[in-house]
Structure formats: structure tokens, C-alpha cells
Amino acid sequence: MEVREALEAANRAFESELRKVGDEQWGLPTPCGEWDVRALVNHVLLGTRMSIQILDGMPRAEIIAGLNDDMLGASTDPVADFNRLAAQMCQGFAGPDGLEGMVVHPAGDFPRAMFAGFRVTDGAAHAWDLGHAMGAEPTLDAEMLEFLWADTEPKREMLAATGMFGDGASGSVTDDAPLQARYLDLIGRRAQVGALLMSIPDSHTHCPIGHTTALLGDRWSMMIVREALRGLDRYQDLRDALRISDNTLTRRLAHLQDIGVLVRHDASPARYQLTDAGVDLARVLAVLGDWGMRWLPVDRPLLPVCEPIINAAEQLGFLVREQLAAEQV
């Protein structure tokens, strides 16, 4: 798929999601910072109109002057308006200049082909953002994803450094994950559990163990849960107890919130509370601790599973062995 075909696919994806927006959904939050659905759609309308202006050769100052317009507020039919603008934009890339030469963009001068790639990324990413906001993340066109991956992956380090896509790749999505999962992660999209499960290799698709280890199998997640079960709920306390770097702790806390294990309560300082799903992991930790004391080849006794974890597990109706309970600290 070449760039103009990919652009048409991205436009179709965004139109499909835009058609689904109900009257009560314009205020829903999106993955794009402080934008709600209304602001995101207005951004895409502005960006598509800006592309037409750029391809028509409008002076940079005039383009910039209109970037804060409320196009959605002035629209009586956002879907029709988007389709009209998208068709004009595609015609601009198919015109006499095509993909040759340079364009004058508000951010600088770029090759026309590169600018077309920017528009594919914008359309595809925001189609997914829009679906995510409404609770039904779309499956993006496979050939368009191949184009986007080939265009974006070589720029991985540069994109992460610019902050254009948040933190960039998380490092937690495996190389054999579906392409959509890898691409979305590359551009900083941190999905909820349903989409995170897309990162599980096909061989584990129907296995609950594979699903769970894909979400919680890193070095730190269960250790954070362990400390939360012990009653630690502040960032500083968790960092000191685990001797973990700020960057790693911040990312792991965000991940545990994404998958529904923790919730953050804004206070001074913020506090992190286990959800029911998080508390239920006490059963897993009790068994892990028991296995470690039985089988790990160590020169000194391991600390037994701590009392709060045993108590939480037993309150959930999980029978911890008497030997384990007798060794609690």
C-alpha cells in the first residue's frame, strides 16, 4: 500500500468511528490528554482543512490564524463535513504536484510525501482514539498498519525523544504481538485490558495463564501489589520499600491502573488503592510465597508470606496451608 492509499484507509477509519458518536458521547474523555471527544473531532476537522490550505499554497501566517477555529461548533453534519474535507485533501495529493516537492507547514517545510504520511498517522491514531473513548476500540486496516509500521518504527527513538506520542513504546509489548498492538504501543497508546490482551502471542490466545502473565508477568507489578496489600499506598513509600527507580515505578503504577488492579486517589500526596481485582491477587502471592519457600535453592531461609497477604487470601475464602500460616511474620 502506498501513502495515498493508506491516507484513504485512515480517512475511512475515522469516518466509521465518527458515525458512531452519540449525542451523549461528545464529552467523553479520550487518550489525548485533556481532549474530550468534541475536542478530538474538532482537531481532526482543523487538521484536514489545514492540509487542504497547505497543499493549495496558503501563506503560513494565514494557516496559523485559523488553527483555533471551532469547526465542529459551526457544523450541522460533522460526518459530511469530514468526508468533504478528506476528499479535497486526497485530491490535493493526487494533483499536478502529487507527492513531489515541498510544502509550507506551520511547523516548518516538509516534503509532500512526508506530509502525506503525517496525515495517515493522524487519521489512523485518532480513529482508534475515538473508538477507545466510546468503549469499542476499532480494528485498523491491516495494509494501512503495515504502511504505518514501516514508516514509524525506524523513527522509534526520535519520536520518543520529541514527546509527540507521549512516552512512546512501553517496552511491554512483545515482538510477536499482533501488528496493531505493536503500532499503538509505539505511538504511546496505552489500552485497557481488552486491548492489552491483543499483545498476547497467538499460542496463548485461549489460555488464562497466558493472559494473566502477559499483564502481570514483569518484574515489578506483583511486588507493587505485595506492598499495597501490606498497606503502603503512597508513591514515596512504595519507592522506598521496593528500591525502584522513579521512571519504572511511574510506568508500573500507570499500567496497574490501566488493567484495573489499582485506582489513584488524588490527594496530597496521591494514594493508590487496590481494586477488588487487586486484592484478589493475594491468593496468587500466597501460593508464590509458599512455592518459593518450598523449592528455591537459597542459602538462608526466605521471608515467609507476610501476615496481611495471608489474611487477605483467607478472607477471600482461599485456604492457606497451616504450615505457611505458622511461619507468618
C-alpha atoms as a PDB file:
ATOM      1  CA  MET A   1       0.000   0.000   0.000  1.00  0.00           C
ATOM      2  CA  GLU A   2       1.408   3.398  -0.950  1.00  0.00           C
ATOM      3  CA  VAL A   3       0.874   6.544   1.052  1.00  0.00           C
ATOM      4  CA  ARG A   4      -2.183   7.856  -0.795  1.00  0.00           C
ATOM      5  CA  GLU A   5      -3.994   4.540  -0.428  1.00  0.00           C
ATOM      6  CA  ALA A   6      -3.063   4.493   3.244  1.00  0.00           C
ATOM      7  CA  LEU A   7      -4.454   8.015   3.620  1.00  0.00           C
ATOM      8  CA  GLU A   8      -7.780   6.945   2.146  1.00  0.00           C
ATOM      9  CA  ALA A   9      -7.869   3.976   4.541  1.00  0.00           C
ATOM     10  CA  ALA A  10      -7.172   6.264   7.509  1.00  0.00           C
ATOM     11  CA  ASN A  11      -9.969   8.598   6.418  1.00  0.00           C
ATOM     12  CA  ARG A  12     -12.387   5.676   6.161  1.00  0.00           C
ATOM     13  CA  ALA A  13     -11.413   4.509   9.638  1.00  0.00           C
ATOM     14  CA  PHE A  14     -12.034   7.922  11.162  1.00  0.00           C
ATOM     15  CA  GLU A  15     -15.330   8.378   9.325  1.00  0.00           C
ATOM     16  CA  SER A  16     -16.513   4.986  10.577  1.00  0.00           C
ATOM     17  CA  GLU A  17     -15.857   5.944  14.206  1.00  0.00           C
ATOM     18  CA  LEU A  18     -17.268   9.449  13.783  1.00  0.00           C
ATOM     19  CA  ARG A  19     -20.575   7.998  12.600  1.00  0.00           C
ATOM     20  CA  LYS A  20     -20.906   6.141  15.905  1.00  0.00           C
ATOM     21  CA  VAL A  21     -20.688   9.217  18.167  1.00  0.00           C
ATOM     22  CA  GLY A  22     -23.965   9.718  20.026  1.00  0.00           C
ATOM     23  CA  ASP A  23     -25.258  12.994  21.421  1.00  0.00           C
ATOM     24  CA  GLU A  24     -24.305  11.942  24.953  1.00  0.00           C
ATOM     25  CA  GLN A  25     -20.735  10.992  23.995  1.00  0.00           C
ATOM     26  CA  TRP A  26     -19.216  14.322  22.947  1.00  0.00           C
ATOM     27  CA  GLY A  27     -17.950  14.973  26.471  1.00  0.00           C
ATOM     28  CA  LEU A  28     -16.253  11.586  26.966  1.00  0.00           C
ATOM     29  CA  PRO A  29     -12.519  11.666  27.740  1.00  0.00           C
ATOM     30  CA  THR A  30     -10.074  10.399  25.116  1.00  0.00           C
ATOM     31  CA  PRO A  31      -6.480   9.097  25.289  1.00  0.00           C
ATOM     32  CA  CYS A  32      -5.324  12.514  24.005  1.00  0.00           C
ATOM     33  CA  GLY A  33      -4.505  14.412  27.184  1.00  0.00           C
ATOM     34  CA  GLU A  34      -7.206  16.903  28.086  1.00  0.00           C
ATOM     35  CA  TRP A  35      -9.226  16.460  24.872  1.00  0.00           C
ATOM     36  CA  ASP A  36     -12.725  15.094  25.084  1.00  0.00           C
ATOM     37  CA  VAL A  37     -14.444  13.592  22.025  1.00  0.00           C
ATOM     38  CA  ARG A  38     -15.601  17.018  20.893  1.00  0.00           C
ATOM     39  CA  ALA A  39     -12.095  18.497  21.020  1.00  0.00           C
ATOM     40  CA  LEU A  40     -10.604  15.475  19.251  1.00  0.00           C
ATOM     41  CA  VAL A  41     -13.081  15.653  16.366  1.00  0.00           C
ATOM     42  CA  ASN A  42     -12.565  19.406  16.078  1.00  0.00           C
ATOM     43  CA  HIS A  43      -8.808  18.796  15.920  1.00  0.00           C
ATOM     44  CA  VAL A  44      -9.220  16.335  13.041  1.00  0.00           C
ATOM     45  CA  LEU A  45     -11.509  18.720  11.139  1.00  0.00           C
ATOM     46  CA  LEU A  46      -8.990  21.536  11.633  1.00  0.00           C
ATOM     47  CA  GLY A  47      -6.086  19.326  10.595  1.00  0.00           C
ATOM     48  CA  THR A  48      -7.840  18.158   7.456  1.00  0.00           C
ATOM     49  CA  ARG A  49      -8.760  21.711   6.466  1.00  0.00           C
ATOM     50  CA  MET A  50      -5.207  22.838   7.245  1.00  0.00           C
ATOM     51  CA  SER A  51      -3.890  20.149   4.903  1.00  0.00           C
ATOM     52  CA  ILE A  52      -6.012  21.494   2.065  1.00  0.00           C
ATOM     53  CA  GLN A  53      -4.750  25.005   2.753  1.00  0.00           C
ATOM     54  CA  ILE A  54      -1.141  23.828   2.823  1.00  0.00           C
ATOM     55  CA  LEU A  55      -1.494  21.921  -0.454  1.00  0.00           C
ATOM     56  CA  ASP A  56      -3.141  24.982  -2.013  1.00  0.00           C
ATOM     57  CA  GLY A  57      -0.130  27.097  -1.037  1.00  0.00           C
ATOM     58  CA  MET A  58      -1.811  29.345   1.544  1.00  0.00           C
ATOM     59  CA  PRO A  59       0.725  31.524   3.411  1.00  0.00           C
ATOM     60  CA  ARG A  60       1.849  30.089   6.743  1.00  0.00           C
ATOM     61  CA  ALA A  61       0.566  33.051   8.793  1.00  0.00           C
ATOM     62  CA  GLU A  62      -2.953  32.704   7.384  1.00  0.00           C
ATOM     63  CA  ILE A  63      -2.996  28.981   8.153  1.00  0.00           C
ATOM     64  CA  ILE A  64      -1.870  29.546  11.730  1.00  0.00           C
ATOM     65  CA  ALA A  65      -4.535  32.214  12.245  1.00  0.00           C
ATOM     66  CA  GLY A  66      -7.291  29.635  11.781  1.00  0.00           C
ATOM     67  CA  LEU A  67      -5.943  26.806  13.894  1.00  0.00           C
ATOM     68  CA  ASN A  68      -8.131  27.670  16.895  1.00  0.00           C
ATOM     69  CA  ASP A  69     -11.416  27.809  14.971  1.00  0.00           C
ATOM     70  CA  ASP A  70     -14.389  25.852  16.305  1.00  0.00           C
ATOM     71  CA  MET A  71     -15.233  23.952  13.148  1.00  0.00           C
ATOM     72  CA  LEU A  72     -17.322  21.365  14.963  1.00  0.00           C
ATOM     73  CA  GLY A  73     -19.427  24.075  16.585  1.00  0.00           C
ATOM     74  CA  ALA A  74     -20.190  25.545  13.170  1.00  0.00           C
ATOM     75  CA  SER A  75     -21.062  22.165  11.661  1.00  0.00           C
ATOM     76  CA  THR A  76     -24.569  20.776  11.280  1.00  0.00           C
ATOM     77  CA  ASP A  77     -23.292  17.457   9.888  1.00  0.00           C
ATOM     78  CA  PRO A  78     -19.767  16.569  11.105  1.00  0.00           C
ATOM     79  CA  VAL A  79     -19.612  13.337   9.102  1.00  0.00           C
ATOM     80  CA  ALA A  80     -20.498  15.069   5.828  1.00  0.00           C
ATOM     81  CA  ASP A  81     -18.085  17.896   6.566  1.00  0.00           C
ATOM     82  CA  PHE A  82     -15.263  15.495   7.328  1.00  0.00           C
ATOM     83  CA  ASN A  83     -15.889  13.474   4.175  1.00  0.00           C
ATOM     84  CA  ARG A  84     -15.904  16.620   2.048  1.00  0.00           C
ATOM     85  CA  LEU A  85     -12.638  17.875   3.552  1.00  0.00           C
ATOM     86  CA  ALA A  86     -10.990  14.449   3.384  1.00  0.00           C
ATOM     87  CA  ALA A  87     -11.857  14.108  -0.307  1.00  0.00           C
ATOM     88  CA  GLN A  88     -10.368  17.552  -1.021  1.00  0.00           C
ATOM     89  CA  MET A  89      -7.204  16.651   0.872  1.00  0.00           C
ATOM     90  CA  CYS A  90      -6.768  13.425  -1.097  1.00  0.00           C
ATOM     91  CA  GLN A  91      -7.316  15.323  -4.349  1.00  0.00           C
ATOM     92  CA  GLY A  92      -4.532  17.686  -3.322  1.00  0.00           C
ATOM     93  CA  PHE A  93      -2.067  14.814  -3.013  1.00  0.00           C
ATOM     94  CA  ALA A  94      -3.269  13.432  -6.371  1.00  0.00           C
ATOM     95  CA  GLY A  95      -2.996  16.792  -8.151  1.00  0.00           C
ATOM     96  CA  PRO A  96      -0.299  18.026 -10.526  1.00  0.00           C
ATOM     97  CA  ASP A  97       2.364  18.176  -7.815  1.00  0.00           C
ATOM     98  CA  GLY A  98       1.321  14.841  -6.305  1.00  0.00           C
ATOM     99  CA  LEU A  99       3.925  13.750  -3.791  1.00  0.00           C
ATOM    100  CA  GLU A 100       6.757  15.769  -5.297  1.00  0.00           C
ATOM    101  CA  GLY A 101       8.301  18.920  -3.893  1.00  0.00           C
ATOM    102  CA  MET A 102       7.885  20.640  -0.538  1.00  0.00           C
ATOM    103  CA  VAL A 103       5.020  22.097   1.476  1.00  0.00           C
ATOM    104  CA  VAL A 104       4.986  25.091   3.808  1.00  0.00           C
ATOM    105  CA  HIS A 105       3.646  23.735   7.113  1.00  0.00           C
ATOM    106  CA  PRO A 106       3.108  25.762  10.323  1.00  0.00           C
ATOM    107  CA  ALA A 107       5.864  23.655  11.939  1.00  0.00           C
ATOM    108  CA  GLY A 108       8.317  24.053   9.039  1.00  0.00           C
ATOM    109  CA  ASP A 109       8.904  22.984   5.453  1.00  0.00           C
ATOM    110  CA  PHE A 110       8.453  19.276   4.671  1.00  0.00           C
ATOM    111  CA  PRO A 111       8.500  17.007   1.610  1.00  0.00           C
ATOM    112  CA  ARG A 112       4.977  16.466   0.321  1.00  0.00           C
ATOM    113  CA  ALA A 113       5.307  12.676   0.665  1.00  0.00           C
ATOM    114  CA  MET A 114       6.344  13.025   4.310  1.00  0.00           C
ATOM    115  CA  PHE A 115       3.417  15.354   4.959  1.00  0.00           C
ATOM    116  CA  ALA A 116       1.050  12.774   3.459  1.00  0.00           C
ATOM    117  CA  GLY A 117       2.483  10.234   5.918  1.00  0.00           C
ATOM    118  CA  PHE A 118       1.795  12.649   8.782  1.00  0.00           C
ATOM    119  CA  ARG A 119      -1.860  12.756   7.733  1.00  0.00           C
ATOM    120  CA  VAL A 120      -2.103   8.942   7.636  1.00  0.00           C
ATOM    121  CA  THR A 121      -0.741   8.753  11.192  1.00  0.00           C
ATOM    122  CA  ASP A 122      -3.090  11.462  12.421  1.00  0.00           C
ATOM    123  CA  GLY A 123      -6.177   9.889  10.872  1.00  0.00           C
ATOM    124  CA  ALA A 124      -5.426   6.332  11.983  1.00  0.00           C
ATOM    125  CA  ALA A 125      -4.389   7.250  15.517  1.00  0.00           C
ATOM    126  CA  HIS A 126      -7.408   9.451  16.106  1.00  0.00           C
ATOM    127  CA  ALA A 127      -9.782   6.863  14.634  1.00  0.00           C
ATOM    128  CA  TRP A 128      -8.524   4.487  17.325  1.00  0.00           C
ATOM    129  CA  ASP A 129      -8.662   7.235  19.971  1.00  0.00           C
ATOM    130  CA  LEU A 130     -12.276   7.959  19.100  1.00  0.00           C
ATOM    131  CA  GLY A 131     -13.318   4.324  19.258  1.00  0.00           C
ATOM    132  CA  HIS A 132     -11.412   3.851  22.514  1.00  0.00           C
ATOM    133  CA  ALA A 133     -13.208   6.830  24.057  1.00  0.00           C
ATOM    134  CA  MET A 134     -16.560   5.237  23.217  1.00  0.00           C
ATOM    135  CA  GLY A 135     -15.501   1.888  24.674  1.00  0.00           C
ATOM    136  CA  ALA A 136     -15.119  -0.117  21.438  1.00  0.00           C
ATOM    137  CA  GLU A 137     -11.595   0.049  20.056  1.00  0.00           C
ATOM    138  CA  PRO A 138     -11.596  -0.458  16.263  1.00  0.00           C
ATOM    139  CA  THR A 139      -9.549  -2.942  14.276  1.00  0.00           C
ATOM    140  CA  LEU A 140      -7.493  -0.890  11.835  1.00  0.00           C
ATOM    141  CA  ASP A 141      -6.920  -1.841   8.194  1.00  0.00           C
ATOM    142  CA  ALA A 142      -4.128  -4.443   8.013  1.00  0.00           C
ATOM    143  CA  GLU A 143      -2.375  -3.000   4.960  1.00  0.00           C
ATOM    144  CA  MET A 144      -2.549   0.511   6.393  1.00  0.00           C
ATOM    145  CA  LEU A 145      -0.946  -0.796   9.597  1.00  0.00           C
ATOM    146  CA  GLU A 146       1.883  -2.324   7.577  1.00  0.00           C
ATOM    147  CA  PHE A 147       2.463   1.052   5.921  1.00  0.00           C
ATOM    148  CA  LEU A 148       2.385   2.872   9.266  1.00  0.00           C
ATOM    149  CA  TRP A 149       4.733   0.394  10.940  1.00  0.00           C
ATOM    150  CA  ALA A 150       7.255   0.623   8.114  1.00  0.00           C
ATOM    151  CA  ASP A 151       7.032   4.419   8.222  1.00  0.00           C
ATOM    152  CA  THR A 152       7.106   4.877  12.010  1.00  0.00           C
ATOM    153  CA  GLU A 153       9.148   2.067  13.573  1.00  0.00           C
ATOM    154  CA  PRO A 154      12.525   3.294  12.215  1.00  0.00           C
ATOM    155  CA  LYS A 155      11.806   6.625  13.949  1.00  0.00           C
ATOM    156  CA  ARG A 156      11.112   4.990  17.329  1.00  0.00           C
ATOM    157  CA  GLU A 157      13.870   6.731  19.290  1.00  0.00           C
ATOM    158  CA  MET A 158      13.318  10.114  17.648  1.00  0.00           C
ATOM    159  CA  LEU A 159       9.575  10.068  18.343  1.00  0.00           C
ATOM    160  CA  ALA A 160      10.096   9.112  21.986  1.00  0.00           C
ATOM    161  CA  ALA A 161      12.550  11.988  22.387  1.00  0.00           C
ATOM    162  CA  THR A 162      10.151  14.561  20.919  1.00  0.00           C
ATOM    163  CA  GLY A 163       7.257  13.575  23.199  1.00  0.00           C
ATOM    164  CA  MET A 164       4.964  13.762  20.152  1.00  0.00           C
ATOM    165  CA  PHE A 165       3.371  10.450  21.166  1.00  0.00           C
ATOM    166  CA  GLY A 166       3.678  10.625  24.936  1.00  0.00           C
ATOM    167  CA  ASP A 167       6.228   8.180  26.305  1.00  0.00           C
ATOM    168  CA  GLY A 168       6.439   6.257  23.044  1.00  0.00           C
ATOM    169  CA  ALA A 169       6.806   2.485  23.181  1.00  0.00           C
ATOM    170  CA  SER A 170       6.284   0.970  26.636  1.00  0.00           C
ATOM    171  CA  GLY A 171       8.648  -1.947  26.135  1.00  0.00           C
ATOM    172  CA  SER A 172       5.998  -4.361  27.442  1.00  0.00           C
ATOM    173  CA  VAL A 173       4.519  -5.445  24.086  1.00  0.00           C
ATOM    174  CA  THR A 174       6.266  -8.456  22.604  1.00  0.00           C
ATOM    175  CA  ASP A 175       7.704  -8.677  19.087  1.00  0.00           C
ATOM    176  CA  ASP A 176       5.295 -11.469  18.181  1.00  0.00           C
ATOM    177  CA  ALA A 177       2.238  -9.473  19.266  1.00  0.00           C
ATOM    178  CA  PRO A 178      -0.315  -8.508  16.592  1.00  0.00           C
ATOM    179  CA  LEU A 179       0.822  -5.567  14.483  1.00  0.00           C
ATOM    180  CA  GLN A 180      -1.961  -3.288  15.705  1.00  0.00           C
ATOM    181  CA  ALA A 181      -0.922  -3.810  19.325  1.00  0.00           C
ATOM    182  CA  ARG A 182       2.730  -3.070  18.494  1.00  0.00           C
ATOM    183  CA  TYR A 183       1.913   0.023  16.447  1.00  0.00           C
ATOM    184  CA  LEU A 184      -0.464   1.516  19.009  1.00  0.00           C
ATOM    185  CA  ASP A 185       2.097   0.953  21.746  1.00  0.00           C
ATOM    186  CA  LEU A 186       4.768   2.588  19.573  1.00  0.00           C
ATOM    187  CA  ILE A 187       2.695   5.769  19.320  1.00  0.00           C
ATOM    188  CA  GLY A 188       2.039   5.896  23.039  1.00  0.00           C
ATOM    189  CA  ARG A 189      -1.462   4.424  23.195  1.00  0.00           C
ATOM    190  CA  ARG A 190      -1.942   2.590  26.483  1.00  0.00           C
ATOM    191  CA  ALA A 191      -5.061   0.496  26.103  1.00  0.00           C
ATOM    192  CA  GLN A 192      -7.308  -1.023  28.754  1.00  0.00           C
ATOM    193  CA  VAL A 193      -7.333  -4.751  29.470  1.00  0.00           C
ATOM    194  CA  GLY A 194      -9.303  -5.769  26.369  1.00  0.00           C
ATOM    195  CA  ALA A 195      -6.816  -4.181  24.026  1.00  0.00           C
ATOM    196  CA  LEU A 196      -3.806  -5.108  26.128  1.00  0.00           C
ATOM    197  CA  LEU A 197      -4.719  -8.741  25.584  1.00  0.00           C
ATOM    198  CA  MET A 198      -4.061  -8.170  21.874  1.00  0.00           C
ATOM    199  CA  SER A 199      -0.360  -8.214  22.772  1.00  0.00           C
ATOM    200  CA  ILE A 200      -0.508 -11.867  23.823  1.00  0.00           C
ATOM    201  CA  PRO A 201       1.124 -14.267  21.326  1.00  0.00           C
ATOM    202  CA  ASP A 202      -1.361 -16.311  19.309  1.00  0.00           C
ATOM    203  CA  SER A 203      -0.232 -19.521  21.030  1.00  0.00           C
ATOM    204  CA  HIS A 204      -1.646 -18.199  24.326  1.00  0.00           C
ATOM    205  CA  THR A 205      -4.846 -16.666  22.952  1.00  0.00           C
ATOM    206  CA  HIS A 206      -7.210 -19.054  24.760  1.00  0.00           C
ATOM    207  CA  CYS A 207      -5.120 -19.560  27.891  1.00  0.00           C
ATOM    208  CA  PRO A 208      -5.977 -17.610  31.086  1.00  0.00           C
ATOM    209  CA  ILE A 209      -2.434 -18.186  32.344  1.00  0.00           C
ATOM    210  CA  GLY A 210      -1.036 -16.633  29.178  1.00  0.00           C
ATOM    211  CA  HIS A 211      -3.410 -13.686  29.513  1.00  0.00           C
ATOM    212  CA  THR A 212      -2.518 -13.107  33.154  1.00  0.00           C
ATOM    213  CA  THR A 213       1.241 -13.395  32.763  1.00  0.00           C
ATOM    214  CA  ALA A 214       1.077 -11.037  29.774  1.00  0.00           C
ATOM    215  CA  LEU A 215      -0.423  -8.402  32.056  1.00  0.00           C
ATOM    216  CA  LEU A 216       1.375  -9.118  35.324  1.00  0.00           C
ATOM    217  CA  GLY A 217       4.474 -11.106  34.421  1.00  0.00           C
ATOM    218  CA  ASP A 218       7.025  -8.288  34.565  1.00  0.00           C
ATOM    219  CA  ARG A 219       9.494  -7.937  37.421  1.00  0.00           C
ATOM    220  CA  TRP A 220       7.691  -5.259  39.442  1.00  0.00           C
ATOM    221  CA  SER A 221       3.896  -5.443  39.118  1.00  0.00           C
ATOM    222  CA  MET A 222       3.305  -8.185  41.675  1.00  0.00           C
ATOM    223  CA  MET A 223       5.836  -6.642  44.035  1.00  0.00           C
ATOM    224  CA  ILE A 224       3.853  -3.392  43.976  1.00  0.00           C
ATOM    225  CA  VAL A 225       0.687  -5.371  44.696  1.00  0.00           C
ATOM    226  CA  ARG A 226       2.500  -7.085  47.592  1.00  0.00           C
ATOM    227  CA  GLU A 227       3.391  -3.739  49.145  1.00  0.00           C
ATOM    228  CA  ALA A 228      -0.125  -2.402  48.588  1.00  0.00           C
ATOM    229  CA  LEU A 229      -1.523  -5.442  50.410  1.00  0.00           C
ATOM    230  CA  ARG A 230       0.821  -4.583  53.277  1.00  0.00           C
ATOM    231  CA  GLY A 231      -0.812  -1.160  53.454  1.00  0.00           C
ATOM    232  CA  LEU A 232       1.633   1.017  51.518  1.00  0.00           C
ATOM    233  CA  ASP A 233      -0.367   3.397  49.350  1.00  0.00           C
ATOM    234  CA  ARG A 234       1.868   6.418  48.755  1.00  0.00           C
ATOM    235  CA  TYR A 235       4.359   6.788  45.914  1.00  0.00           C
ATOM    236  CA  GLN A 236       7.287   7.623  48.195  1.00  0.00           C
ATOM    237  CA  ASP A 237       6.606   4.678  50.491  1.00  0.00           C
ATOM    238  CA  LEU A 238       6.363   2.261  47.572  1.00  0.00           C
ATOM    239  CA  ARG A 239       9.577   3.584  46.053  1.00  0.00           C
ATOM    240  CA  ASP A 240      11.476   3.303  49.334  1.00  0.00           C
ATOM    241  CA  ALA A 241      10.179  -0.191  50.114  1.00  0.00           C
ATOM    242  CA  LEU A 242      10.959  -1.591  46.685  1.00  0.00           C
ATOM    243  CA  ARG A 243      14.113   0.451  45.939  1.00  0.00           C
ATOM    244  CA  ILE A 244      12.724   1.003  42.464  1.00  0.00           C
ATOM    245  CA  SER A 245      13.563   3.856  40.078  1.00  0.00           C
ATOM    246  CA  ASP A 246      11.081   6.717  39.651  1.00  0.00           C
ATOM    247  CA  ASN A 247      10.676   6.022  35.948  1.00  0.00           C
ATOM    248  CA  THR A 248       9.921   2.327  36.463  1.00  0.00           C
ATOM    249  CA  LEU A 249       7.550   2.900  39.373  1.00  0.00           C
ATOM    250  CA  THR A 250       5.618   5.581  37.479  1.00  0.00           C
ATOM    251  CA  ARG A 251       5.176   3.299  34.471  1.00  0.00           C
ATOM    252  CA  ARG A 252       4.190   0.270  36.553  1.00  0.00           C
ATOM    253  CA  LEU A 253       1.641   2.245  38.581  1.00  0.00           C
ATOM    254  CA  ALA A 254       0.106   3.559  35.354  1.00  0.00           C
ATOM    255  CA  HIS A 255      -0.020   0.024  33.947  1.00  0.00           C
ATOM    256  CA  LEU A 256      -1.693  -1.383  37.062  1.00  0.00           C
ATOM    257  CA  GLN A 257      -4.294   1.365  36.843  1.00  0.00           C
ATOM    258  CA  ASP A 258      -4.859   0.614  33.147  1.00  0.00           C
ATOM    259  CA  ILE A 259      -5.607  -3.051  33.821  1.00  0.00           C
ATOM    260  CA  GLY A 260      -7.883  -2.337  36.780  1.00  0.00           C
ATOM    261  CA  VAL A 261      -5.666  -3.517  39.643  1.00  0.00           C
ATOM    262  CA  LEU A 262      -5.099  -0.083  41.227  1.00  0.00           C
ATOM    263  CA  VAL A 263      -7.013   3.176  41.405  1.00  0.00           C
ATOM    264  CA  ARG A 264      -5.358   6.502  42.137  1.00  0.00           C
ATOM    265  CA  HIS A 265      -6.941   8.954  44.569  1.00  0.00           C
ATOM    266  CA  ASP A 266      -5.737  12.490  44.027  1.00  0.00           C
ATOM    267  CA  ALA A 267      -4.670  13.922  47.351  1.00  0.00           C
ATOM    268  CA  SER A 268      -1.539  15.493  48.712  1.00  0.00           C
ATOM    269  CA  PRO A 269       0.251  13.178  48.266  1.00  0.00           C
ATOM    270  CA  ALA A 270      -1.686  10.891  45.903  1.00  0.00           C
ATOM    271  CA  ARG A 271      -2.710   7.484  47.206  1.00  0.00           C
ATOM    272  CA  TYR A 272      -3.033   4.182  45.329  1.00  0.00           C
ATOM    273  CA  GLN A 273      -5.736   1.751  46.380  1.00  0.00           C
ATOM    274  CA  LEU A 274      -6.174  -1.865  45.292  1.00  0.00           C
ATOM    275  CA  THR A 275      -9.409  -2.687  43.491  1.00  0.00           C
ATOM    276  CA  ASP A 276     -11.273  -5.932  44.141  1.00  0.00           C
ATOM    277  CA  ALA A 277      -9.203  -7.468  41.330  1.00  0.00           C
ATOM    278  CA  GLY A 278      -6.036  -6.240  43.052  1.00  0.00           C
ATOM    279  CA  VAL A 279      -6.995  -7.619  46.455  1.00  0.00           C
ATOM    280  CA  ASP A 280      -7.839 -10.943  44.811  1.00  0.00           C
ATOM    281  CA  LEU A 281      -4.175 -11.249  43.802  1.00  0.00           C
ATOM    282  CA  ALA A 282      -3.412 -12.016  47.477  1.00  0.00           C
ATOM    283  CA  ARG A 283      -4.259 -15.631  46.611  1.00  0.00           C
ATOM    284  CA  VAL A 284      -1.638 -15.652  43.867  1.00  0.00           C
ATOM    285  CA  LEU A 285       1.003 -14.125  46.123  1.00  0.00           C
ATOM    286  CA  ALA A 286       0.286 -16.606  48.911  1.00  0.00           C
ATOM    287  CA  VAL A 287       0.894 -19.512  46.536  1.00  0.00           C
ATOM    288  CA  LEU A 288       4.005 -17.885  45.071  1.00  0.00           C
ATOM    289  CA  GLY A 289       5.408 -17.398  48.559  1.00  0.00           C
ATOM    290  CA  ASP A 290       4.623 -20.976  49.514  1.00  0.00           C
ATOM    291  CA  TRP A 291       6.285 -22.307  46.354  1.00  0.00           C
ATOM    292  CA  GLY A 292       9.351 -20.126  46.924  1.00  0.00           C
ATOM    293  CA  MET A 293       9.850 -21.417  50.475  1.00  0.00           C
ATOM    294  CA  ARG A 294       9.486 -24.996  49.267  1.00  0.00           C
ATOM    295  CA  TRP A 295      11.640 -25.010  46.159  1.00  0.00           C
ATOM    296  CA  LEU A 296      14.013 -22.065  45.745  1.00  0.00           C
ATOM    297  CA  PRO A 297      17.684 -23.014  46.281  1.00  0.00           C
ATOM    298  CA  VAL A 298      18.796 -20.382  48.772  1.00  0.00           C
ATOM    299  CA  ASP A 299      21.441 -20.408  51.485  1.00  0.00           C
ATOM    300  CA  ARG A 300      19.240 -18.718  54.057  1.00  0.00           C
ATOM    301  CA  PRO A 301      15.527 -19.011  54.842  1.00  0.00           C
ATOM    302  CA  LEU A 302      13.260 -16.846  52.730  1.00  0.00           C
ATOM    303  CA  LEU A 303      10.957 -14.419  54.479  1.00  0.00           C
ATOM    304  CA  PRO A 304       7.558 -16.115  54.609  1.00  0.00           C
ATOM    305  CA  VAL A 305       4.498 -14.556  53.050  1.00  0.00           C
ATOM    306  CA  CYS A 306       3.569 -11.649  55.270  1.00  0.00           C
ATOM    307  CA  GLU A 307       0.524 -11.683  57.518  1.00  0.00           C
ATOM    308  CA  PRO A 308      -1.581  -9.125  55.604  1.00  0.00           C
ATOM    309  CA  ILE A 309      -1.334 -11.232  52.439  1.00  0.00           C
ATOM    310  CA  ILE A 310      -2.334 -14.408  54.282  1.00  0.00           C
ATOM    311  CA  ASN A 311      -5.234 -12.587  55.929  1.00  0.00           C
ATOM    312  CA  ALA A 312      -6.428 -11.135  52.637  1.00  0.00           C
ATOM    313  CA  ALA A 313      -6.204 -14.527  50.933  1.00  0.00           C
ATOM    314  CA  GLU A 314      -8.161 -16.250  53.700  1.00  0.00           C
ATOM    315  CA  GLN A 315     -10.823 -13.550  53.699  1.00  0.00           C
ATOM    316  CA  LEU A 316     -11.343 -14.402  50.033  1.00  0.00           C
ATOM    317  CA  GLY A 317     -12.028 -17.996  51.033  1.00  0.00           C
ATOM    318  CA  PHE A 318      -8.629 -19.286  49.971  1.00  0.00           C
ATOM    319  CA  LEU A 319      -7.210 -21.886  52.376  1.00  0.00           C
ATOM    320  CA  VAL A 320      -3.571 -21.145  53.057  1.00  0.00           C
ATOM    321  CA  ARG A 321      -1.692 -24.171  54.406  1.00  0.00           C
ATOM    322  CA  GLU A 322      -1.290 -24.316  58.196  1.00  0.00           C
ATOM    323  CA  GLN A 323       2.465 -24.539  57.799  1.00  0.00           C
ATOM    324  CA  LEU A 324       2.528 -21.313  55.836  1.00  0.00           C
ATOM    325  CA  ALA A 325       0.300 -19.534  58.336  1.00  0.00           C
ATOM    326  CA  ALA A 326       2.501 -20.741  61.197  1.00  0.00           C
ATOM    327  CA  GLU A 327       5.551 -19.158  59.571  1.00  0.00           C
ATOM    328  CA  GLN A 328       3.991 -15.748  59.014  1.00  0.00           C
ATOM    329  CA  VAL A 329       5.771 -12.635  60.257  1.00  0.00           C
END
